Amino acid sequence: MRKLAVVLLSCLALTACAASWQQELRYKIVAKENQSSSEFFEVELVGDAPKGTLEPGQLKRQFLLTYEVQGAQVGDELLCSAEQEKGNAFGNSNVVTHLKNCKKA
């Protein structure tokens, strides 16, 4: 029984620092940027970051490649699946934010 408890506690210790969060959020396109051979939309979060996010400040302003949102223009609002991931103690423990599946609202 003790061995089982040690194994379970070890597994919990290895995964306890890893975390993820996901939710659909509304963004507004505020600018279009041209850098080298790529075009980006600069988007800002509409409203406040929801509770439970791993790093709320990272959600406020993001950049999307323009080809990821066909037909969008500056001033349009988008619905995006926002994801945040935090690594564990053995890898990169920084929070990484991704916007996926953005579509015009």
N, C-alpha and C. Protein backbone atom coordinates (compact mmCIF):
# COMPACT_ATOMS: atom_id res chain seq x y z
N MET A 1 0.82 -1.18 0.00
CA MET A 1 0.00 0.00 0.00
C MET A 1 0.87 1.26 0.00
N ARG A 2 1.97 1.21 0.75
CA ARG A 2 2.87 2.37 0.79
C ARG A 2 3.49 2.63 -0.57
N LYS A 3 3.87 1.55 -1.27
CA LYS A 3 4.47 1.71 -2.59
C LYS A 3 3.49 2.37 -3.55
N LEU A 4 2.23 1.98 -3.48
CA LEU A 4 1.21 2.58 -4.33
C LEU A 4 1.04 4.06 -4.01
N ALA A 5 1.06 4.41 -2.76
CA ALA A 5 0.93 5.81 -2.36
C ALA A 5 2.12 6.63 -2.86
N VAL A 6 3.32 6.06 -2.78
CA VAL A 6 4.52 6.76 -3.26
C VAL A 6 4.44 6.97 -4.77
N VAL A 7 4.00 5.97 -5.50
CA VAL A 7 3.87 6.08 -6.95
C VAL A 7 2.85 7.16 -7.31
N LEU A 8 1.70 7.16 -6.67
CA LEU A 8 0.67 8.15 -6.95
C LEU A 8 1.14 9.56 -6.61
N LEU A 9 1.81 9.74 -5.50
CA LEU A 9 2.32 11.06 -5.13
C LEU A 9 3.40 11.53 -6.10
N SER A 10 4.22 10.61 -6.57
CA SER A 10 5.25 10.97 -7.55
C SER A 10 4.62 11.44 -8.85
N CYS A 11 3.59 10.74 -9.30
CA CYS A 11 2.90 11.13 -10.53
C CYS A 11 2.26 12.51 -10.37
N LEU A 12 1.65 12.75 -9.24
CA LEU A 12 1.04 14.07 -8.99
C LEU A 12 2.09 15.16 -8.97
N ALA A 13 3.23 14.89 -8.38
CA ALA A 13 4.29 15.89 -8.30
C ALA A 13 4.83 16.25 -9.67
N LEU A 14 4.89 15.28 -10.56
CA LEU A 14 5.42 15.53 -11.90
C LEU A 14 4.45 16.34 -12.76
N THR A 15 3.16 16.20 -12.54
CA THR A 15 2.18 16.88 -13.39
C THR A 15 1.54 18.09 -12.72
N ALA A 16 1.78 18.33 -11.48
CA ALA A 16 1.10 19.40 -10.75
C ALA A 16 1.42 20.78 -11.29
N CYS A 17 2.59 20.97 -11.83
CA CYS A 17 2.97 22.28 -12.32
C CYS A 17 2.47 22.56 -13.74
N ALA A 18 2.08 21.55 -14.45
CA ALA A 18 1.57 21.74 -15.81
C ALA A 18 0.11 22.15 -15.72
N ALA A 19 -0.30 23.07 -16.58
CA ALA A 19 -1.68 23.53 -16.57
C ALA A 19 -2.07 24.01 -17.96
N SER A 20 -3.37 24.03 -18.22
CA SER A 20 -3.86 24.57 -19.48
C SER A 20 -5.22 25.22 -19.25
N TRP A 21 -5.58 26.12 -20.16
CA TRP A 21 -6.85 26.84 -20.10
C TRP A 21 -7.30 27.10 -21.52
N GLN A 22 -8.60 27.04 -21.77
CA GLN A 22 -9.13 27.28 -23.11
C GLN A 22 -10.53 27.88 -23.01
N GLN A 23 -10.81 28.87 -23.88
CA GLN A 23 -12.13 29.48 -23.92
C GLN A 23 -12.27 30.29 -25.21
N GLU A 24 -13.48 30.45 -25.70
CA GLU A 24 -13.71 31.29 -26.87
C GLU A 24 -13.81 32.74 -26.42
N LEU A 25 -13.05 33.63 -27.08
CA LEU A 25 -13.01 35.04 -26.72
C LEU A 25 -13.25 35.91 -27.94
N ARG A 26 -13.69 37.14 -27.69
CA ARG A 26 -13.95 38.11 -28.75
C ARG A 26 -12.79 39.11 -28.81
N TYR A 27 -12.26 39.31 -30.02
CA TYR A 27 -11.18 40.26 -30.26
C TYR A 27 -11.60 41.25 -31.34
N LYS A 28 -10.99 42.42 -31.32
CA LYS A 28 -11.21 43.43 -32.35
C LYS A 28 -9.88 43.67 -33.07
N ILE A 29 -9.93 43.71 -34.42
CA ILE A 29 -8.73 44.00 -35.20
C ILE A 29 -8.48 45.50 -35.14
N VAL A 30 -7.32 45.90 -34.61
CA VAL A 30 -7.01 47.32 -34.44
C VAL A 30 -5.98 47.83 -35.44
N ALA A 31 -5.23 46.93 -36.07
CA ALA A 31 -4.20 47.38 -37.03
C ALA A 31 -3.78 46.21 -37.91
N LYS A 32 -3.18 46.57 -39.04
CA LYS A 32 -2.59 45.59 -39.94
C LYS A 32 -1.12 45.93 -40.07
N GLU A 33 -0.26 44.97 -39.84
CA GLU A 33 1.19 45.17 -39.85
C GLU A 33 1.83 44.39 -40.99
N ASN A 34 2.82 44.98 -41.61
CA ASN A 34 3.61 44.29 -42.64
C ASN A 34 5.04 44.16 -42.12
N GLN A 35 5.48 42.94 -41.95
CA GLN A 35 6.85 42.68 -41.50
C GLN A 35 7.46 41.65 -42.44
N SER A 36 8.52 42.02 -43.09
CA SER A 36 9.19 41.18 -44.09
C SER A 36 8.18 40.66 -45.11
N SER A 37 8.00 39.38 -45.20
CA SER A 37 7.09 38.82 -46.21
C SER A 37 5.73 38.42 -45.63
N SER A 38 5.46 38.76 -44.37
CA SER A 38 4.21 38.37 -43.73
C SER A 38 3.37 39.58 -43.34
N GLU A 39 2.06 39.40 -43.37
CA GLU A 39 1.14 40.42 -42.90
C GLU A 39 0.43 39.89 -41.66
N PHE A 40 0.31 40.76 -40.67
CA PHE A 40 -0.31 40.39 -39.41
C PHE A 40 -1.44 41.35 -39.08
N PHE A 41 -2.47 40.83 -38.39
CA PHE A 41 -3.46 41.67 -37.75
C PHE A 41 -3.07 41.80 -36.29
N GLU A 42 -3.13 43.02 -35.78
CA GLU A 42 -2.98 43.23 -34.34
C GLU A 42 -4.38 43.25 -33.77
N VAL A 43 -4.65 42.38 -32.80
CA VAL A 43 -5.99 42.28 -32.23
C VAL A 43 -5.94 42.56 -30.73
N GLU A 44 -7.04 43.17 -30.24
CA GLU A 44 -7.18 43.46 -28.81
C GLU A 44 -8.41 42.75 -28.28
N LEU A 45 -8.30 42.26 -27.06
CA LEU A 45 -9.40 41.59 -26.40
C LEU A 45 -10.52 42.59 -26.15
N VAL A 46 -11.75 42.19 -26.45
CA VAL A 46 -12.92 43.02 -26.16
C VAL A 46 -13.36 42.68 -24.74
N GLY A 47 -13.31 43.65 -23.85
CA GLY A 47 -13.66 43.41 -22.44
C GLY A 47 -12.45 42.94 -21.65
N ASP A 48 -12.72 42.38 -20.51
CA ASP A 48 -11.67 41.91 -19.61
C ASP A 48 -11.38 40.43 -19.81
N ALA A 49 -10.20 40.02 -19.41
CA ALA A 49 -9.85 38.60 -19.46
C ALA A 49 -10.71 37.85 -18.45
N PRO A 50 -11.23 36.69 -18.84
CA PRO A 50 -12.06 35.92 -17.91
C PRO A 50 -11.26 35.38 -16.73
N LYS A 51 -11.95 35.10 -15.66
CA LYS A 51 -11.31 34.51 -14.48
C LYS A 51 -10.84 33.10 -14.83
N GLY A 52 -9.76 32.71 -14.20
CA GLY A 52 -9.23 31.37 -14.40
C GLY A 52 -8.15 31.28 -15.45
N THR A 53 -7.86 32.40 -16.14
CA THR A 53 -6.79 32.35 -17.13
C THR A 53 -5.45 32.19 -16.43
N LEU A 54 -4.50 31.59 -17.12
CA LEU A 54 -3.18 31.39 -16.53
C LEU A 54 -2.38 32.69 -16.52
N GLU A 55 -2.52 33.50 -17.55
CA GLU A 55 -1.78 34.77 -17.66
C GLU A 55 -2.69 35.78 -18.37
N PRO A 56 -3.56 36.49 -17.62
CA PRO A 56 -4.54 37.40 -18.23
C PRO A 56 -3.91 38.48 -19.12
N GLY A 57 -2.76 38.98 -18.77
CA GLY A 57 -2.11 40.04 -19.54
C GLY A 57 -1.76 39.62 -20.96
N GLN A 58 -1.48 38.34 -21.17
CA GLN A 58 -1.12 37.85 -22.50
C GLN A 58 -2.32 37.82 -23.44
N LEU A 59 -3.53 37.84 -22.91
CA LEU A 59 -4.72 37.78 -23.74
C LEU A 59 -5.10 39.14 -24.31
N LYS A 60 -4.64 40.22 -23.72
CA LYS A 60 -5.08 41.56 -24.10
C LYS A 60 -4.73 41.94 -25.52
N ARG A 61 -3.54 41.63 -25.97
CA ARG A 61 -3.09 42.02 -27.31
C ARG A 61 -2.33 40.86 -27.93
N GLN A 62 -2.76 40.47 -29.14
CA GLN A 62 -2.15 39.35 -29.84
C GLN A 62 -1.96 39.72 -31.31
N PHE A 63 -1.24 38.88 -32.04
CA PHE A 63 -1.02 39.07 -33.47
C PHE A 63 -1.45 37.80 -34.19
N LEU A 64 -2.15 37.97 -35.33
CA LEU A 64 -2.60 36.85 -36.16
C LEU A 64 -2.12 37.08 -37.58
N LEU A 65 -1.70 36.04 -38.25
CA LEU A 65 -1.40 36.15 -39.68
C LEU A 65 -2.70 36.44 -40.41
N THR A 66 -2.66 37.37 -41.35
CA THR A 66 -3.89 37.80 -42.02
C THR A 66 -4.57 36.65 -42.78
N TYR A 67 -3.80 35.70 -43.30
CA TYR A 67 -4.42 34.61 -44.05
C TYR A 67 -5.21 33.66 -43.15
N GLU A 68 -5.03 33.75 -41.82
CA GLU A 68 -5.77 32.89 -40.90
C GLU A 68 -7.22 33.32 -40.76
N VAL A 69 -7.54 34.57 -41.16
CA VAL A 69 -8.90 35.08 -41.05
C VAL A 69 -9.27 35.70 -42.40
N GLN A 70 -9.80 34.90 -43.29
CA GLN A 70 -10.11 35.35 -44.64
C GLN A 70 -11.19 36.43 -44.63
N GLY A 71 -10.95 37.50 -45.40
CA GLY A 71 -11.94 38.56 -45.56
C GLY A 71 -12.04 39.54 -44.41
N ALA A 72 -11.21 39.41 -43.40
CA ALA A 72 -11.28 40.32 -42.25
C ALA A 72 -10.53 41.61 -42.56
N GLN A 73 -10.97 42.69 -41.92
CA GLN A 73 -10.36 44.00 -42.09
C GLN A 73 -10.22 44.68 -40.73
N VAL A 74 -9.41 45.74 -40.70
CA VAL A 74 -9.27 46.52 -39.48
C VAL A 74 -10.65 47.04 -39.08
N GLY A 75 -10.98 46.89 -37.80
CA GLY A 75 -12.27 47.30 -37.27
C GLY A 75 -13.22 46.13 -37.05
N ASP A 76 -12.98 44.99 -37.72
CA ASP A 76 -13.84 43.81 -37.55
C ASP A 76 -13.60 43.17 -36.19
N GLU A 77 -14.64 42.50 -35.69
CA GLU A 77 -14.49 41.71 -34.47
C GLU A 77 -14.43 40.24 -34.84
N LEU A 78 -13.65 39.50 -34.06
CA LEU A 78 -13.42 38.08 -34.32
C LEU A 78 -13.78 37.26 -33.09
N LEU A 79 -14.21 36.04 -33.30
CA LEU A 79 -14.35 35.06 -32.23
C LEU A 79 -13.22 34.06 -32.41
N CYS A 80 -12.42 33.89 -31.37
CA CYS A 80 -11.25 33.01 -31.44
C CYS A 80 -11.24 32.04 -30.26
N SER A 81 -10.74 30.87 -30.50
CA SER A 81 -10.49 29.92 -29.43
C SER A 81 -9.12 30.26 -28.84
N ALA A 82 -9.12 30.76 -27.62
CA ALA A 82 -7.87 31.13 -26.96
C ALA A 82 -7.42 29.99 -26.06
N GLU A 83 -6.14 29.67 -26.16
CA GLU A 83 -5.57 28.59 -25.35
C GLU A 83 -4.33 29.10 -24.64
N GLN A 84 -4.20 28.74 -23.38
CA GLN A 84 -2.98 29.03 -22.64
C GLN A 84 -2.47 27.73 -22.05
N GLU A 85 -1.16 27.54 -22.14
CA GLU A 85 -0.52 26.34 -21.61
C GLU A 85 0.69 26.75 -20.78
N LYS A 86 0.85 26.07 -19.68
CA LYS A 86 2.04 26.26 -18.84
C LYS A 86 2.73 24.93 -18.72
N GLY A 87 4.02 24.94 -18.98
CA GLY A 87 4.80 23.71 -18.90
C GLY A 87 4.97 23.24 -17.48
N ASN A 88 5.76 22.21 -17.32
CA ASN A 88 6.02 21.67 -15.99
C ASN A 88 7.41 22.06 -15.53
N ALA A 89 7.78 21.62 -14.37
CA ALA A 89 9.06 21.98 -13.78
C ALA A 89 10.25 21.41 -14.54
N PHE A 90 10.02 20.39 -15.36
CA PHE A 90 11.12 19.75 -16.08
C PHE A 90 11.32 20.33 -17.47
N GLY A 91 10.39 21.14 -17.93
CA GLY A 91 10.49 21.75 -19.25
C GLY A 91 10.35 23.26 -19.11
N ASN A 92 9.82 23.89 -20.13
CA ASN A 92 9.59 25.32 -20.11
C ASN A 92 8.37 25.60 -19.24
N SER A 93 8.51 26.37 -18.17
CA SER A 93 7.40 26.63 -17.27
C SER A 93 6.70 27.95 -17.57
N ASN A 94 7.05 28.62 -18.69
CA ASN A 94 6.38 29.86 -19.07
C ASN A 94 4.99 29.57 -19.64
N VAL A 95 4.10 30.54 -19.52
CA VAL A 95 2.77 30.43 -20.11
C VAL A 95 2.84 30.83 -21.57
N VAL A 96 2.27 30.01 -22.44
CA VAL A 96 2.23 30.28 -23.88
C VAL A 96 0.77 30.44 -24.28
N THR A 97 0.47 31.51 -25.03
CA THR A 97 -0.90 31.78 -25.45
C THR A 97 -1.02 31.61 -26.97
N HIS A 98 -2.10 30.95 -27.40
CA HIS A 98 -2.37 30.73 -28.83
C HIS A 98 -3.81 31.15 -29.12
N LEU A 99 -4.03 31.77 -30.27
CA LEU A 99 -5.37 32.01 -30.78
C LEU A 99 -5.56 31.10 -31.98
N LYS A 100 -6.67 30.36 -32.00
CA LYS A 100 -6.94 29.41 -33.07
C LYS A 100 -8.38 29.57 -33.57
N ASN A 101 -8.60 29.10 -34.77
CA ASN A 101 -9.94 29.04 -35.35
C ASN A 101 -10.69 30.36 -35.25
N CYS A 102 -10.04 31.45 -35.59
CA CYS A 102 -10.68 32.76 -35.54
C CYS A 102 -11.59 32.93 -36.74
N LYS A 103 -12.77 33.50 -36.47
CA LYS A 103 -13.72 33.79 -37.54
C LYS A 103 -14.39 35.12 -37.24
N LYS A 104 -14.86 35.78 -38.29
CA LYS A 104 -15.52 37.07 -38.11
C LYS A 104 -16.77 36.88 -37.26
N ALA A 105 -16.97 37.79 -36.32
CA ALA A 105 -18.13 37.71 -35.42
C ALA A 105 -19.39 38.22 -36.12
